[in-house]
Protein backbone atom coordinates (compact mmCIF):
# COMPACT_ATOMS: atom_id res chain seq x y z
CA UNK A 1 170.92 133.03 143.77
CA UNK A 2 170.08 135.86 141.34
CA UNK A 3 171.83 136.65 138.06
CA UNK A 4 173.59 139.74 139.45
CA UNK A 5 175.16 137.67 142.21
CA UNK A 6 176.29 135.00 139.75
CA UNK A 7 177.72 137.59 137.38
CA UNK A 8 179.63 139.43 140.12
CA UNK A 9 181.08 136.22 141.54
CA UNK A 10 182.00 134.63 138.23
CA UNK A 11 185.63 134.54 137.19
CA UNK A 12 184.72 134.52 133.47
CA UNK A 13 181.27 136.03 132.93
CA UNK A 14 179.71 135.51 129.51
CA UNK A 15 176.72 137.37 128.12
CA UNK A 16 174.86 136.25 125.01
CA UNK A 17 172.96 138.91 123.11
CA UNK A 18 171.06 139.13 119.88
CA UNK A 19 171.75 141.21 116.80
CA UNK A 20 169.54 144.00 118.14
CA UNK A 21 172.21 145.07 120.61
CA UNK A 22 174.42 146.58 117.91
CA UNK A 23 171.59 148.43 116.19
CA UNK A 24 170.37 149.83 119.52
CA UNK A 25 173.90 151.15 120.06
CA UNK A 26 173.84 152.85 116.66
CA UNK A 27 176.00 150.37 114.77
CA UNK A 28 174.69 149.36 111.36
CA UNK A 29 173.93 145.69 110.89
CA UNK A 30 174.22 143.78 107.65
CA UNK A 31 170.63 142.79 106.88
CA UNK A 32 168.15 145.46 108.03
CA UNK A 33 165.88 146.36 105.10
CA UNK A 34 166.49 150.10 105.22
CA UNK A 35 169.90 150.50 106.83
CA UNK A 36 171.80 147.23 106.45
CA UNK A 37 175.23 147.29 104.86
CA UNK A 38 174.14 144.75 102.24
CA UNK A 39 171.57 147.26 100.97
CA UNK A 40 174.47 149.55 100.08
CA UNK A 41 177.01 146.93 99.00
CA UNK A 42 176.89 143.63 97.14
CA UNK A 43 178.20 141.04 99.57
CA UNK A 44 179.22 138.65 96.81
CA UNK A 45 181.34 141.35 95.16
CA UNK A 46 182.99 142.61 98.35
CA UNK A 47 182.96 140.10 101.18
CA UNK A 48 183.35 136.60 99.84
CA UNK A 49 186.13 134.20 98.94
CA UNK A 50 185.44 134.94 95.27
CA UNK A 51 185.72 138.68 95.90
CA UNK A 52 189.04 138.12 97.63
CA UNK A 53 190.32 136.03 94.71
CA UNK A 54 189.00 138.19 91.88
CA UNK A 55 189.23 141.75 93.20
CA UNK A 56 191.53 141.91 96.20
CA UNK A 57 191.58 145.72 96.10
CA UNK A 58 187.79 146.07 96.48
CA UNK A 59 187.80 143.31 99.10
CA UNK A 60 190.45 145.08 101.17
CA UNK A 61 188.66 148.43 100.79
CA UNK A 62 185.51 146.86 102.21
CA UNK A 63 187.41 145.24 105.08
CA UNK A 64 189.00 148.61 105.86
CA UNK A 65 185.60 150.32 105.76
CA UNK A 66 183.96 147.68 107.96
CA UNK A 67 186.79 147.80 110.50
CA UNK A 68 186.29 151.57 110.85
CA UNK A 69 182.48 151.28 111.14
CA UNK A 70 182.80 148.60 113.82
CA UNK A 71 185.95 150.07 115.43
CA UNK A 72 187.91 146.84 115.07
């Protein structure tokens, strides 16, 4: 039985991919040295529990930005 057959006959197919899938599709990742989002933003200041507690406005701005970048 080949993978195509299994996939077509499965009621709930699941595909596991690596982080490279998003970058190949043109979506920025978080850690790439030249294009990652954390090269442009400080993760501790924008996307952490502390950021949420101390600067909710900046935290929500980042969440809004990320949701648009990743079409969430």
